[in-house]
Structures are given as C-alpha cells and as structure tokens.
C-alpha cells in the first residue's frame, strides 16, 4: 500500500447521535457563529431546524474543525472549503473502497 501523508485533527466527539446547538458547535470548534452561518449557506454543513434555532449533528464537528484549519492555515475561502471538503470526502470513500478490495485479495 502506498505511503499516505496523514494530518492529525484533534476534536471531541460527544456522541454520534447527539446534536449540538449553534453555541455549542462554535465553542467546540473555536469559531464564531457568523462563520458557521457562512458554512451553512455554502452547504458545507446542514443544520436541523428546531423551531427558531439550528441544531447540528455531532458528526459535523470534525468537518467544522477541518474547515477551520483549511481556512486558517491555507487561507481557503468558504466557497473553496465546500469544494475541498467534498473532494476530501470522495478521497476518503475511495480509500475505503480500495482498502476493502485489498482485504479481499
């Protein structure tokens, strides 16, 4: 198998079925609510509407961390984040398929 460069992202997953309020997501990811709103507008993450407020699946937290890192470290704008994260998702899915095929022999 080819040597892959991996970047370690540290974040806290509360529980995959739990949800986070906008404030909890902001505090956990260390970002402002306005930035989360931009991610929602670009389709990077999709909140669940609960009355007048948003709730986010806990599984969005690593995605927000990755988006924040790409924005902070590489200067990727929000539109670019949507594309970059989509491509990263595809790469992850393809690697999983390759690993599954390799295990079958």
Foldseek 3Di string as FASTA:
>chain_A
DDDDDDDDDDFDQPDQADKAWLVRLCVRLVHDSVVVVLLCVLVLAPFDDDPPTTIGGSVCNVLSNVLVCCCVVVVQDSNSSSVVVVVVVVVVVVVVVVVVVVVVD
